[in-house]
Amino acid sequence: MQIEVLKSKIHRVKVTGAELDYIGSITIDKTLMDAANIIAGEKVQVVNVNNGERLETYVIEGAADSGEITLNGPAARKVQKGDVVIIISYASMSVYDAKSFKPTLIFPNTSTNTLD
């Protein structure tokens, strides 16, 4: 049996942009992606702390050390610039493996979206 478990989490970053006229996705600063063990194209859940919205999309790599967190396409309707979000990815694995798996959790500076 396979179960889904928390793989990675970027906890509380500020949305820097919302681009409605785009195909879709979330653009994340490459430095944050690397620190959280998230790759381009990976499916993520985005939880908006300000309004309670939850959505799923895929990741596009943003410029390193830019602090960029931009929701693109229809997802842009679920956030506003300045909202605080949590970005979560999950992995499927056996119950046996899940018991010893350690997720990657990062806690950037919410004001700058950087790792201090």
PDB file of N, CA and C in Angstrom:
ATOM      1  N   MET A   1       0.841  -1.180   0.000  1.00  0.00           N
ATOM      2  CA  MET A   1       0.000   0.000   0.000  1.00  0.00           C
ATOM      3  C   MET A   1       0.884   1.241   0.000  1.00  0.00           C
ATOM      4  N   GLN A   2       0.489   2.228  -0.796  1.00  0.00           N
ATOM      5  CA  GLN A   2       1.172   3.517  -0.855  1.00  0.00           C
ATOM      6  C   GLN A   2       0.303   4.573  -0.168  1.00  0.00           C
ATOM      7  N   ILE A   3       0.954   5.479   0.543  1.00  0.00           N
ATOM      8  CA  ILE A   3       0.241   6.609   1.142  1.00  0.00           C
ATOM      9  C   ILE A   3       0.954   7.896   0.737  1.00  0.00           C
ATOM     10  N   GLU A   4       0.233   9.023   0.802  1.00  0.00           N
ATOM     11  CA  GLU A   4       0.841  10.322   0.531  1.00  0.00           C
ATOM     12  C   GLU A   4       1.242  10.957   1.850  1.00  0.00           C
ATOM     13  N   VAL A   5       2.482  11.429   1.900  1.00  0.00           N
ATOM     14  CA  VAL A   5       2.985  12.088   3.106  1.00  0.00           C
ATOM     15  C   VAL A   5       3.621  13.422   2.725  1.00  0.00           C
ATOM     16  N   LEU A   6       3.734  14.288   3.698  1.00  0.00           N
ATOM     17  CA  LEU A   6       4.401  15.568   3.498  1.00  0.00           C
ATOM     18  C   LEU A   6       5.834  15.336   3.053  1.00  0.00           C
ATOM     19  N   LYS A   7       6.215  15.936   1.916  1.00  0.00           N
ATOM     20  CA  LYS A   7       7.594  15.839   1.416  1.00  0.00           C
ATOM     21  C   LYS A   7       8.364  17.118   1.689  1.00  0.00           C
ATOM     22  N   SER A   8       7.741  18.261   1.371  1.00  0.00           N
ATOM     23  CA  SER A   8       8.415  19.553   1.481  1.00  0.00           C
ATOM     24  C   SER A   8       7.409  20.624   1.868  1.00  0.00           C
ATOM     25  N   LYS A   9       7.907  21.643   2.591  1.00  0.00           N
ATOM     26  CA  LYS A   9       7.033  22.765   2.926  1.00  0.00           C
ATOM     27  C   LYS A   9       7.844  24.048   2.990  1.00  0.00           C
ATOM     28  N   ILE A  10       7.348  25.056   2.286  1.00  0.00           N
ATOM     29  CA  ILE A  10       7.862  26.418   2.417  1.00  0.00           C
ATOM     30  C   ILE A  10       6.817  27.132   3.262  1.00  0.00           C
ATOM     31  N   HIS A  11       7.154  27.416   4.511  1.00  0.00           N
ATOM     32  CA  HIS A  11       6.182  27.904   5.483  1.00  0.00           C
ATOM     33  C   HIS A  11       6.153  29.427   5.532  1.00  0.00           C
ATOM     34  N   ARG A  12       5.032  29.991   5.157  1.00  0.00           N
ATOM     35  CA  ARG A  12       4.745  31.418   5.291  1.00  0.00           C
ATOM     36  C   ARG A  12       5.688  32.314   4.490  1.00  0.00           C
ATOM     37  N   VAL A  13       5.409  32.409   3.196  1.00  0.00           N
ATOM     38  CA  VAL A  13       6.086  33.377   2.336  1.00  0.00           C
ATOM     39  C   VAL A  13       5.044  34.351   1.794  1.00  0.00           C
ATOM     40  N   LYS A  14       5.500  35.523   1.437  1.00  0.00           N
ATOM     41  CA  LYS A  14       4.610  36.570   0.961  1.00  0.00           C
ATOM     42  C   LYS A  14       4.490  36.510  -0.561  1.00  0.00           C
ATOM     43  N   VAL A  15       3.264  36.585  -1.064  1.00  0.00           N
ATOM     44  CA  VAL A  15       3.012  36.616  -2.503  1.00  0.00           C
ATOM     45  C   VAL A  15       3.538  37.944  -3.050  1.00  0.00           C
ATOM     46  N   THR A  16       4.402  37.851  -4.073  1.00  0.00           N
ATOM     47  CA  THR A  16       4.981  39.053  -4.677  1.00  0.00           C
ATOM     48  C   THR A  16       4.278  39.448  -5.969  1.00  0.00           C
ATOM     49  N   GLY A  17       3.459  38.532  -6.507  1.00  0.00           N
ATOM     50  CA  GLY A  17       2.755  38.848  -7.739  1.00  0.00           C
ATOM     51  C   GLY A  17       1.624  37.882  -8.010  1.00  0.00           C
ATOM     52  N   ALA A  18       0.656  38.349  -8.802  1.00  0.00           N
ATOM     53  CA  ALA A  18      -0.474  37.532  -9.240  1.00  0.00           C
ATOM     54  C   ALA A  18      -0.735  37.903 -10.690  1.00  0.00           C
ATOM     55  N   GLU A  19      -0.381  37.007 -11.615  1.00  0.00           N
ATOM     56  CA  GLU A  19      -0.448  37.276 -13.056  1.00  0.00           C
ATOM     57  C   GLU A  19      -1.567  36.451 -13.689  1.00  0.00           C
ATOM     58  N   LEU A  20      -2.722  37.057 -13.863  1.00  0.00           N
ATOM     59  CA  LEU A  20      -3.884  36.348 -14.402  1.00  0.00           C
ATOM     60  C   LEU A  20      -3.673  35.887 -15.844  1.00  0.00           C
ATOM     61  N   ASP A  21      -3.057  36.703 -16.671  1.00  0.00           N
ATOM     62  CA  ASP A  21      -2.886  36.376 -18.084  1.00  0.00           C
ATOM     63  C   ASP A  21      -1.664  35.494 -18.300  1.00  0.00           C
ATOM     64  N   TYR A  22      -1.754  34.281 -17.821  1.00  0.00           N
ATOM     65  CA  TYR A  22      -0.664  33.322 -17.901  1.00  0.00           C
ATOM     66  C   TYR A  22      -1.306  31.940 -17.928  1.00  0.00           C
ATOM     67  N   ILE A  23      -0.631  30.960 -18.446  1.00  0.00           N
ATOM     68  CA  ILE A  23      -1.197  29.619 -18.578  1.00  0.00           C
ATOM     69  C   ILE A  23      -1.555  29.025 -17.217  1.00  0.00           C
ATOM     70  N   GLY A  24      -0.727  29.212 -16.235  1.00  0.00           N
ATOM     71  CA  GLY A  24      -0.998  28.690 -14.907  1.00  0.00           C
ATOM     72  C   GLY A  24       0.259  28.238 -14.223  1.00  0.00           C
ATOM     73  N   SER A  25       0.251  28.194 -12.903  1.00  0.00           N
ATOM     74  CA  SER A  25       1.369  27.714 -12.103  1.00  0.00           C
ATOM     75  C   SER A  25       1.706  28.675 -10.983  1.00  0.00           C
ATOM     76  N   ILE A  26       2.776  28.344 -10.261  1.00  0.00           N
ATOM     77  CA  ILE A  26       3.344  29.230  -9.262  1.00  0.00           C
ATOM     78  C   ILE A  26       4.837  29.348  -9.544  1.00  0.00           C
ATOM     79  N   THR A  27       5.327  30.569  -9.592  1.00  0.00           N
ATOM     80  CA  THR A  27       6.752  30.815  -9.779  1.00  0.00           C
ATOM     81  C   THR A  27       7.362  31.015  -8.400  1.00  0.00           C
ATOM     82  N   ILE A  28       8.407  30.233  -8.108  1.00  0.00           N
ATOM     83  CA  ILE A  28       9.060  30.266  -6.792  1.00  0.00           C
ATOM     84  C   ILE A  28      10.543  30.531  -6.975  1.00  0.00           C
ATOM     85  N   ASP A  29      11.086  31.396  -6.146  1.00  0.00           N
ATOM     86  CA  ASP A  29      12.523  31.681  -6.101  1.00  0.00           C
ATOM     87  C   ASP A  29      13.301  30.362  -6.070  1.00  0.00           C
ATOM     88  N   LYS A  30      14.271  30.202  -6.975  1.00  0.00           N
ATOM     89  CA  LYS A  30      15.057  28.971  -7.070  1.00  0.00           C
ATOM     90  C   LYS A  30      15.754  28.624  -5.761  1.00  0.00           C
ATOM     91  N   THR A  31      16.223  29.607  -5.029  1.00  0.00           N
ATOM     92  CA  THR A  31      16.899  29.348  -3.752  1.00  0.00           C
ATOM     93  C   THR A  31      15.941  28.683  -2.769  1.00  0.00           C
ATOM     94  N   LEU A  32      14.693  29.143  -2.737  1.00  0.00           N
ATOM     95  CA  LEU A  32      13.692  28.525  -1.856  1.00  0.00           C
ATOM     96  C   LEU A  32      13.355  27.121  -2.338  1.00  0.00           C
ATOM     97  N   MET A  33      13.238  26.954  -3.660  1.00  0.00           N
ATOM     98  CA  MET A  33      12.955  25.625  -4.212  1.00  0.00           C
ATOM     99  C   MET A  33      14.043  24.636  -3.803  1.00  0.00           C
ATOM    100  N   ASP A  34      15.293  25.029  -3.990  1.00  0.00           N
ATOM    101  CA  ASP A  34      16.412  24.140  -3.654  1.00  0.00           C
ATOM    102  C   ASP A  34      16.417  23.807  -2.163  1.00  0.00           C
ATOM    103  N   ALA A  35      16.203  24.809  -1.335  1.00  0.00           N
ATOM    104  CA  ALA A  35      16.223  24.596   0.122  1.00  0.00           C
ATOM    105  C   ALA A  35      15.098  23.669   0.564  1.00  0.00           C
ATOM    106  N   ALA A  36      13.954  23.740  -0.134  1.00  0.00           N
ATOM    107  CA  ALA A  36      12.792  22.930   0.238  1.00  0.00           C
ATOM    108  C   ALA A  36      12.740  21.597  -0.497  1.00  0.00           C
ATOM    109  N   ASN A  37      13.707  21.344  -1.381  1.00  0.00           N
ATOM    110  CA  ASN A  37      13.726  20.097  -2.148  1.00  0.00           C
ATOM    111  C   ASN A  37      12.485  19.970  -3.049  1.00  0.00           C
ATOM    112  N   ILE A  38      12.145  21.086  -3.703  1.00  0.00           N
ATOM    113  CA  ILE A  38      11.041  21.132  -4.661  1.00  0.00           C
ATOM    114  C   ILE A  38      11.653  21.387  -6.040  1.00  0.00           C
ATOM    115  N   ILE A  39      11.148  20.687  -7.063  1.00  0.00           N
ATOM    116  CA  ILE A  39      11.711  20.851  -8.408  1.00  0.00           C
ATOM    117  C   ILE A  39      10.687  21.479  -9.352  1.00  0.00           C
ATOM    118  N   ALA A  40      11.196  22.043 -10.439  1.00  0.00           N
ATOM    119  CA  ALA A  40      10.328  22.623 -11.465  1.00  0.00           C
ATOM    120  C   ALA A  40       9.386  21.548 -12.001  1.00  0.00           C
ATOM    121  N   GLY A  41       8.140  21.914 -12.162  1.00  0.00           N
ATOM    122  CA  GLY A  41       7.132  20.985 -12.666  1.00  0.00           C
ATOM    123  C   GLY A  41       6.439  20.175 -11.587  1.00  0.00           C
ATOM    124  N   GLU A  42       6.946  20.226 -10.382  1.00  0.00           N
ATOM    125  CA  GLU A  42       6.358  19.439  -9.293  1.00  0.00           C
ATOM    126  C   GLU A  42       4.991  20.004  -8.895  1.00  0.00           C
ATOM    127  N   LYS A  43       4.075  19.114  -8.581  1.00  0.00           N
ATOM    128  CA  LYS A  43       2.752  19.509  -8.102  1.00  0.00           C
ATOM    129  C   LYS A  43       2.874  19.979  -6.659  1.00  0.00           C
ATOM    130  N   VAL A  44       2.244  21.123  -6.360  1.00  0.00           N
ATOM    131  CA  VAL A  44       2.233  21.649  -4.998  1.00  0.00           C
ATOM    132  C   VAL A  44       0.831  22.094  -4.621  1.00  0.00           C
ATOM    133  N   GLN A  45       0.613  22.139  -3.344  1.00  0.00           N
ATOM    134  CA  GLN A  45      -0.611  22.720  -2.787  1.00  0.00           C
ATOM    135  C   GLN A  45      -0.219  24.069  -2.204  1.00  0.00           C
ATOM    136  N   VAL A  46      -1.008  25.088  -2.483  1.00  0.00           N
ATOM    137  CA  VAL A  46      -0.772  26.426  -1.962  1.00  0.00           C
ATOM    138  C   VAL A  46      -1.921  26.764  -1.031  1.00  0.00           C
ATOM    139  N   VAL A  47      -1.596  27.111   0.205  1.00  0.00           N
ATOM    140  CA  VAL A  47      -2.591  27.439   1.218  1.00  0.00           C
ATOM    141  C   VAL A  47      -2.446  28.919   1.555  1.00  0.00           C
ATOM    142  N   ASN A  48      -3.502  29.683   1.326  1.00  0.00           N
ATOM    143  CA  ASN A  48      -3.468  31.126   1.584  1.00  0.00           C
ATOM    144  C   ASN A  48      -3.871  31.383   3.026  1.00  0.00           C
ATOM    145  N   VAL A  49      -2.940  31.876   3.828  1.00  0.00           N
ATOM    146  CA  VAL A  49      -3.190  32.146   5.241  1.00  0.00           C
ATOM    147  C   VAL A  49      -4.198  33.288   5.397  1.00  0.00           C
ATOM    148  N   ASN A  50      -4.204  34.246   4.469  1.00  0.00           N
ATOM    149  CA  ASN A  50      -5.073  35.417   4.587  1.00  0.00           C
ATOM    150  C   ASN A  50      -6.547  35.117   4.356  1.00  0.00           C
ATOM    151  N   ASN A  51      -6.847  34.232   3.404  1.00  0.00           N
ATOM    152  CA  ASN A  51      -8.266  34.016   3.080  1.00  0.00           C
ATOM    153  C   ASN A  51      -8.717  32.554   3.140  1.00  0.00           C
ATOM    154  N   GLY A  52      -7.806  31.634   3.475  1.00  0.00           N
ATOM    155  CA  GLY A  52      -8.177  30.234   3.613  1.00  0.00           C
ATOM    156  C   GLY A  52      -8.251  29.449   2.316  1.00  0.00           C
ATOM    157  N   GLU A  53      -8.018  30.087   1.169  1.00  0.00           N
ATOM    158  CA  GLU A  53      -8.055  29.380  -0.117  1.00  0.00           C
ATOM    159  C   GLU A  53      -6.962  28.320  -0.173  1.00  0.00           C
ATOM    160  N   ARG A  54      -7.278  27.210  -0.823  1.00  0.00           N
ATOM    161  CA  ARG A  54      -6.313  26.139  -1.076  1.00  0.00           C
ATOM    162  C   ARG A  54      -6.406  25.813  -2.552  1.00  0.00           C
ATOM    163  N   LEU A  55      -5.248  25.623  -3.172  1.00  0.00           N
ATOM    164  CA  LEU A  55      -5.252  25.271  -4.586  1.00  0.00           C
ATOM    165  C   LEU A  55      -4.054  24.389  -4.884  1.00  0.00           C
ATOM    166  N   GLU A  56      -4.152  23.659  -5.991  1.00  0.00           N
ATOM    167  CA  GLU A  56      -3.046  22.831  -6.465  1.00  0.00           C
ATOM    168  C   GLU A  56      -2.593  23.360  -7.806  1.00  0.00           C
ATOM    169  N   THR A  57      -1.302  23.357  -8.021  1.00  0.00           N
ATOM    170  CA  THR A  57      -0.720  23.793  -9.287  1.00  0.00           C
ATOM    171  C   THR A  57       0.664  23.175  -9.409  1.00  0.00           C
ATOM    172  N   TYR A  58       1.419  23.611 -10.400  1.00  0.00           N
ATOM    173  CA  TYR A  58       2.781  23.102 -10.568  1.00  0.00           C
ATOM    174  C   TYR A  58       3.765  24.260 -10.473  1.00  0.00           C
ATOM    175  N   VAL A  59       5.026  23.934 -10.237  1.00  0.00           N
ATOM    176  CA  VAL A  59       6.061  24.927  -9.947  1.00  0.00           C
ATOM    177  C   VAL A  59       6.839  25.314 -11.202  1.00  0.00           C
ATOM    178  N   ILE A  60       7.080  26.612 -11.332  1.00  0.00           N
ATOM    179  CA  ILE A  60       8.017  27.170 -12.312  1.00  0.00           C
ATOM    180  C   ILE A  60       9.147  27.807 -11.511  1.00  0.00           C
ATOM    181  N   GLU A  61      10.376  27.581 -11.966  1.00  0.00           N
ATOM    182  CA  GLU A  61      11.546  28.119 -11.279  1.00  0.00           C
ATOM    183  C   GLU A  61      11.688  29.613 -11.541  1.00  0.00           C
ATOM    184  N   GLY A  62      11.808  30.385 -10.449  1.00  0.00           N
ATOM    185  CA  GLY A  62      12.059  31.819 -10.548  1.00  0.00           C
ATOM    186  C   GLY A  62      13.537  32.109 -10.339  1.00  0.00           C
ATOM    187  N   ALA A  63      13.911  33.347 -10.469  1.00  0.00           N
ATOM    188  CA  ALA A  63      15.304  33.757 -10.296  1.00  0.00           C
ATOM    189  C   ALA A  63      15.758  33.512  -8.856  1.00  0.00           C
ATOM    190  N   ALA A  64      16.982  33.007  -8.724  1.00  0.00           N
ATOM    191  CA  ALA A  64      17.545  32.737  -7.401  1.00  0.00           C
ATOM    192  C   ALA A  64      17.690  34.037  -6.611  1.00  0.00           C
ATOM    193  N   ASP A  65      17.407  33.941  -5.327  1.00  0.00           N
ATOM    194  CA  ASP A  65      17.558  35.058  -4.381  1.00  0.00           C
ATOM    195  C   ASP A  65      16.678  36.261  -4.708  1.00  0.00           C
ATOM    196  N   SER A  66      15.631  36.046  -5.483  1.00  0.00           N
ATOM    197  CA  SER A  66      14.723  37.136  -5.855  1.00  0.00           C
ATOM    198  C   SER A  66      13.587  37.306  -4.852  1.00  0.00           C
ATOM    199  N   GLY A  67      13.298  36.241  -4.091  1.00  0.00           N
ATOM    200  CA  GLY A  67      12.152  36.266  -3.182  1.00  0.00           C
ATOM    201  C   GLY A  67      10.825  36.126  -3.897  1.00  0.00           C
ATOM    202  N   GLU A  68      10.857  35.812  -5.188  1.00  0.00           N
ATOM    203  CA  GLU A  68       9.624  35.762  -5.977  1.00  0.00           C
ATOM    204  C   GLU A  68       8.714  34.607  -5.586  1.00  0.00           C
ATOM    205  N   ILE A  69       7.459  34.945  -5.365  1.00  0.00           N
ATOM    206  CA  ILE A  69       6.368  33.987  -5.188  1.00  0.00           C
ATOM    207  C   ILE A  69       5.200  34.571  -5.988  1.00  0.00           C
ATOM    208  N   THR A  70       5.024  34.103  -7.232  1.00  0.00           N
ATOM    209  CA  THR A  70       3.991  34.644  -8.102  1.00  0.00           C
ATOM    210  C   THR A  70       3.009  33.546  -8.485  1.00  0.00           C
ATOM    211  N   LEU A  71       1.728  33.804  -8.251  1.00  0.00           N
ATOM    212  CA  LEU A  71       0.679  32.890  -8.680  1.00  0.00           C
ATOM    213  C   LEU A  71       0.231  33.320 -10.066  1.00  0.00           C
ATOM    214  N   ASN A  72       0.196  32.370 -10.990  1.00  0.00           N
ATOM    215  CA  ASN A  72      -0.079  32.652 -12.391  1.00  0.00           C
ATOM    216  C   ASN A  72      -1.383  32.006 -12.843  1.00  0.00           C
ATOM    217  N   GLY A  73      -2.004  32.595 -13.859  1.00  0.00           N
ATOM    218  CA  GLY A  73      -3.219  32.033 -14.436  1.00  0.00           C
ATOM    219  C   GLY A  73      -4.370  32.073 -13.450  1.00  0.00           C
ATOM    220  N   PRO A  74      -5.273  31.085 -13.525  1.00  0.00           N
ATOM    221  CA  PRO A  74      -6.454  31.083 -12.661  1.00  0.00           C
ATOM    222  C   PRO A  74      -6.114  31.168 -11.166  1.00  0.00           C
ATOM    223  N   ALA A  75      -4.953  30.640 -10.774  1.00  0.00           N
ATOM    224  CA  ALA A  75      -4.553  30.698  -9.363  1.00  0.00           C
ATOM    225  C   ALA A  75      -4.400  32.129  -8.882  1.00  0.00           C
ATOM    226  N   ALA A  76      -4.152  33.063  -9.798  1.00  0.00           N
ATOM    227  CA  ALA A  76      -4.002  34.472  -9.434  1.00  0.00           C
ATOM    228  C   ALA A  76      -5.284  35.044  -8.833  1.00  0.00           C
ATOM    229  N   ARG A  77      -6.412  34.412  -9.121  1.00  0.00           N
ATOM    230  CA  ARG A  77      -7.686  34.870  -8.548  1.00  0.00           C
ATOM    231  C   ARG A  77      -7.843  34.470  -7.081  1.00  0.00           C
ATOM    232  N   LYS A  78      -6.987  33.572  -6.611  1.00  0.00           N
ATOM    233  CA  LYS A  78      -7.098  33.053  -5.247  1.00  0.00           C
ATOM    234  C   LYS A  78      -6.208  33.796  -4.246  1.00  0.00           C
ATOM    235  N   VAL A  79      -5.375  34.714  -4.747  1.00  0.00           N
ATOM    236  CA  VAL A  79      -4.437  35.443  -3.888  1.00  0.00           C
ATOM    237  C   VAL A  79      -4.395  36.911  -4.280  1.00  0.00           C
ATOM    238  N   GLN A  80      -3.827  37.695  -3.391  1.00  0.00           N
ATOM    239  CA  GLN A  80      -3.499  39.074  -3.690  1.00  0.00           C
ATOM    240  C   GLN A  80      -2.043  39.284  -3.333  1.00  0.00           C
ATOM    241  N   LYS A  81      -1.395  40.184  -4.034  1.00  0.00           N
ATOM    242  CA  LYS A  81      -0.021  40.533  -3.704  1.00  0.00           C
ATOM    243  C   LYS A  81       0.025  40.935  -2.229  1.00  0.00           C
ATOM    244  N   GLY A  82       0.972  40.366  -1.502  1.00  0.00           N
ATOM    245  CA  GLY A  82       1.102  40.640  -0.072  1.00  0.00           C
ATOM    246  C   GLY A  82       0.507  39.564   0.816  1.00  0.00           C
ATOM    247  N   ASP A  83      -0.354  38.683   0.255  1.00  0.00           N
ATOM    248  CA  ASP A  83      -0.893  37.578   1.051  1.00  0.00           C
ATOM    249  C   ASP A  83       0.243  36.658   1.484  1.00  0.00           C
ATOM    250  N   VAL A  84       0.051  36.005   2.610  1.00  0.00           N
ATOM    251  CA  VAL A  84       1.018  35.025   3.109  1.00  0.00           C
ATOM    252  C   VAL A  84       0.494  33.638   2.753  1.00  0.00           C
ATOM    253  N   VAL A  85       1.362  32.810   2.140  1.00  0.00           N
ATOM    254  CA  VAL A  85       0.973  31.463   1.744  1.00  0.00           C
ATOM    255  C   VAL A  85       1.947  30.430   2.300  1.00  0.00           C
ATOM    256  N   ILE A  86       1.465  29.205   2.354  1.00  0.00           N
ATOM    257  CA  ILE A  86       2.276  28.044   2.685  1.00  0.00           C
ATOM    258  C   ILE A  86       2.259  27.155   1.445  1.00  0.00           C
ATOM    259  N   ILE A  87       3.429  26.700   1.010  1.00  0.00           N
ATOM    260  CA  ILE A  87       3.551  25.868  -0.190  1.00  0.00           C
ATOM    261  C   ILE A  87       3.974  24.473   0.244  1.00  0.00           C
ATOM    262  N   ILE A  88       3.184  23.465  -0.135  1.00  0.00           N
ATOM    263  CA  ILE A  88       3.369  22.107   0.360  1.00  0.00           C
ATOM    264  C   ILE A  88       3.465  21.136  -0.816  1.00  0.00           C
ATOM    265  N   SER A  89       4.393  20.193  -0.730  1.00  0.00           N
ATOM    266  CA  SER A  89       4.415  19.091  -1.694  1.00  0.00           C
ATOM    267  C   SER A  89       4.350  17.779  -0.928  1.00  0.00           C
ATOM    268  N   TYR A  90       3.855  16.760  -1.600  1.00  0.00           N
ATOM    269  CA  TYR A  90       3.659  15.450  -0.991  1.00  0.00           C
ATOM    270  C   TYR A  90       4.378  14.395  -1.827  1.00  0.00           C
ATOM    271  N   ALA A  91       4.633  13.250  -1.224  1.00  0.00           N
ATOM    272  CA  ALA A  91       5.247  12.130  -1.931  1.00  0.00           C
ATOM    273  C   ALA A  91       4.489  10.859  -1.589  1.00  0.00           C
ATOM    274  N   SER A  92       4.408   9.957  -2.548  1.00  0.00           N
ATOM    275  CA  SER A  92       3.802   8.644  -2.310  1.00  0.00           C
ATOM    276  C   SER A  92       4.894   7.664  -1.920  1.00  0.00           C
ATOM    277  N   MET A  93       4.618   6.897  -0.890  1.00  0.00           N
ATOM    278  CA  MET A  93       5.584   5.882  -0.458  1.00  0.00           C
ATOM    279  C   MET A  93       4.863   4.837   0.374  1.00  0.00           C
ATOM    280  N   SER A  94       5.567   3.771   0.642  1.00  0.00           N
ATOM    281  CA  SER A  94       4.973   2.714   1.456  1.00  0.00           C
ATOM    282  C   SER A  94       4.827   3.200   2.898  1.00  0.00           C
ATOM    283  N   VAL A  95       3.918   2.578   3.616  1.00  0.00           N
ATOM    284  CA  VAL A  95       3.748   2.906   5.028  1.00  0.00           C
ATOM    285  C   VAL A  95       5.062   2.677   5.771  1.00  0.00           C
ATOM    286  N   TYR A  96       5.754   1.602   5.413  1.00  0.00           N
ATOM    287  CA  TYR A  96       7.041   1.283   6.048  1.00  0.00           C
ATOM    288  C   TYR A  96       8.035   2.434   5.856  1.00  0.00           C
ATOM    289  N   ASP A  97       8.195   2.901   4.618  1.00  0.00           N
ATOM    290  CA  ASP A  97       9.123   3.994   4.346  1.00  0.00           C
ATOM    291  C   ASP A  97       8.663   5.304   4.982  1.00  0.00           C
ATOM    292  N   ALA A  98       7.361   5.539   4.998  1.00  0.00           N
ATOM    293  CA  ALA A  98       6.819   6.776   5.554  1.00  0.00           C
ATOM    294  C   ALA A  98       7.132   6.924   7.039  1.00  0.00           C
ATOM    295  N   LYS A  99       7.224   5.816   7.738  1.00  0.00           N
ATOM    296  CA  LYS A  99       7.475   5.873   9.183  1.00  0.00           C
ATOM    297  C   LYS A  99       8.837   6.462   9.514  1.00  0.00           C
ATOM    298  N   SER A 100       9.792   6.350   8.615  1.00  0.00           N
ATOM    299  CA  SER A 100      11.129   6.892   8.884  1.00  0.00           C
ATOM    300  C   SER A 100      11.473   8.100   8.006  1.00  0.00           C
ATOM    301  N   PHE A 101      10.571   8.472   7.095  1.00  0.00           N
ATOM    302  CA  PHE A 101      10.836   9.587   6.187  1.00  0.00           C
ATOM    303  C   PHE A 101      10.815  10.913   6.937  1.00  0.00           C
ATOM    304  N   LYS A 102      11.754  11.788   6.619  1.00  0.00           N
ATOM    305  CA  LYS A 102      11.820  13.121   7.223  1.00  0.00           C
ATOM    306  C   LYS A 102      11.585  14.170   6.134  1.00  0.00           C
ATOM    307  N   PRO A 103      10.498  14.929   6.224  1.00  0.00           N
ATOM    308  CA  PRO A 103      10.230  15.958   5.218  1.00  0.00           C
ATOM    309  C   PRO A 103      11.212  17.126   5.347  1.00  0.00           C
ATOM    310  N   THR A 104      11.298  17.914   4.280  1.00  0.00           N
ATOM    311  CA  THR A 104      12.117  19.123   4.280  1.00  0.00           C
ATOM    312  C   THR A 104      11.197  20.313   4.534  1.00  0.00           C
ATOM    313  N   LEU A 105      11.426  21.008   5.631  1.00  0.00           N
ATOM    314  CA  LEU A 105      10.610  22.161   6.013  1.00  0.00           C
ATOM    315  C   LEU A 105      11.515  23.381   6.092  1.00  0.00           C
ATOM    316  N   ILE A 106      11.126  24.458   5.415  1.00  0.00           N
ATOM    317  CA  ILE A 106      11.905  25.692   5.535  1.00  0.00           C
ATOM    318  C   ILE A 106      10.999  26.819   6.009  1.00  0.00           C
ATOM    319  N   PHE A 107      11.593  27.769   6.711  1.00  0.00           N
ATOM    320  CA  PHE A 107      10.868  28.875   7.323  1.00  0.00           C
ATOM    321  C   PHE A 107      11.531  30.190   6.916  1.00  0.00           C
ATOM    322  N   PRO A 108      11.259  30.660   5.695  1.00  0.00           N
ATOM    323  CA  PRO A 108      11.881  31.909   5.234  1.00  0.00           C
ATOM    324  C   PRO A 108      11.401  33.119   6.040  1.00  0.00           C
ATOM    325  N   ASN A 109      12.147  34.197   5.910  1.00  0.00           N
ATOM    326  CA  ASN A 109      11.733  35.478   6.468  1.00  0.00           C
ATOM    327  C   ASN A 109      10.494  35.934   5.693  1.00  0.00           C
ATOM    328  N   THR A 110       9.385  36.106   6.362  1.00  0.00           N
ATOM    329  CA  THR A 110       8.123  36.450   5.686  1.00  0.00           C
ATOM    330  C   THR A 110       8.176  37.824   5.034  1.00  0.00           C
ATOM    331  N   SER A 111       8.991  38.710   5.549  1.00  0.00           N
ATOM    332  CA  SER A 111       9.076  40.059   4.967  1.00  0.00           C
ATOM    333  C   SER A 111       9.828  40.072   3.645  1.00  0.00           C
ATOM    334  N   THR A 112      10.863  39.217   3.533  1.00  0.00           N
ATOM    335  CA  THR A 112      11.732  39.255   2.348  1.00  0.00           C
ATOM    336  C   THR A 112      11.681  37.976   1.507  1.00  0.00           C
ATOM    337  N   ASN A 113      11.046  36.931   2.016  1.00  0.00           N
ATOM    338  CA  ASN A 113      11.028  35.613   1.366  1.00  0.00           C
ATOM    339  C   ASN A 113      12.429  35.066   1.157  1.00  0.00           C
ATOM    340  N   THR A 114      13.334  35.371   2.053  1.00  0.00           N
ATOM    341  CA  THR A 114      14.696  34.874   1.957  1.00  0.00           C
ATOM    342  C   THR A 114      15.019  34.021   3.171  1.00  0.00           C
ATOM    343  N   LEU A 115      16.057  33.213   3.030  1.00  0.00           N
ATOM    344  CA  LEU A 115      16.507  32.389   4.132  1.00  0.00           C
ATOM    345  C   LEU A 115      17.565  33.185   4.891  1.00  0.00           C
ATOM    346  N   ASP A 116      17.305  33.514   6.116  1.00  0.00           N
ATOM    347  CA  ASP A 116      18.266  34.308   6.907  1.00  0.00           C
ATOM    348  C   ASP A 116      19.276  33.453   7.592  1.00  0.00           C
TER     349      ASP A 116
END
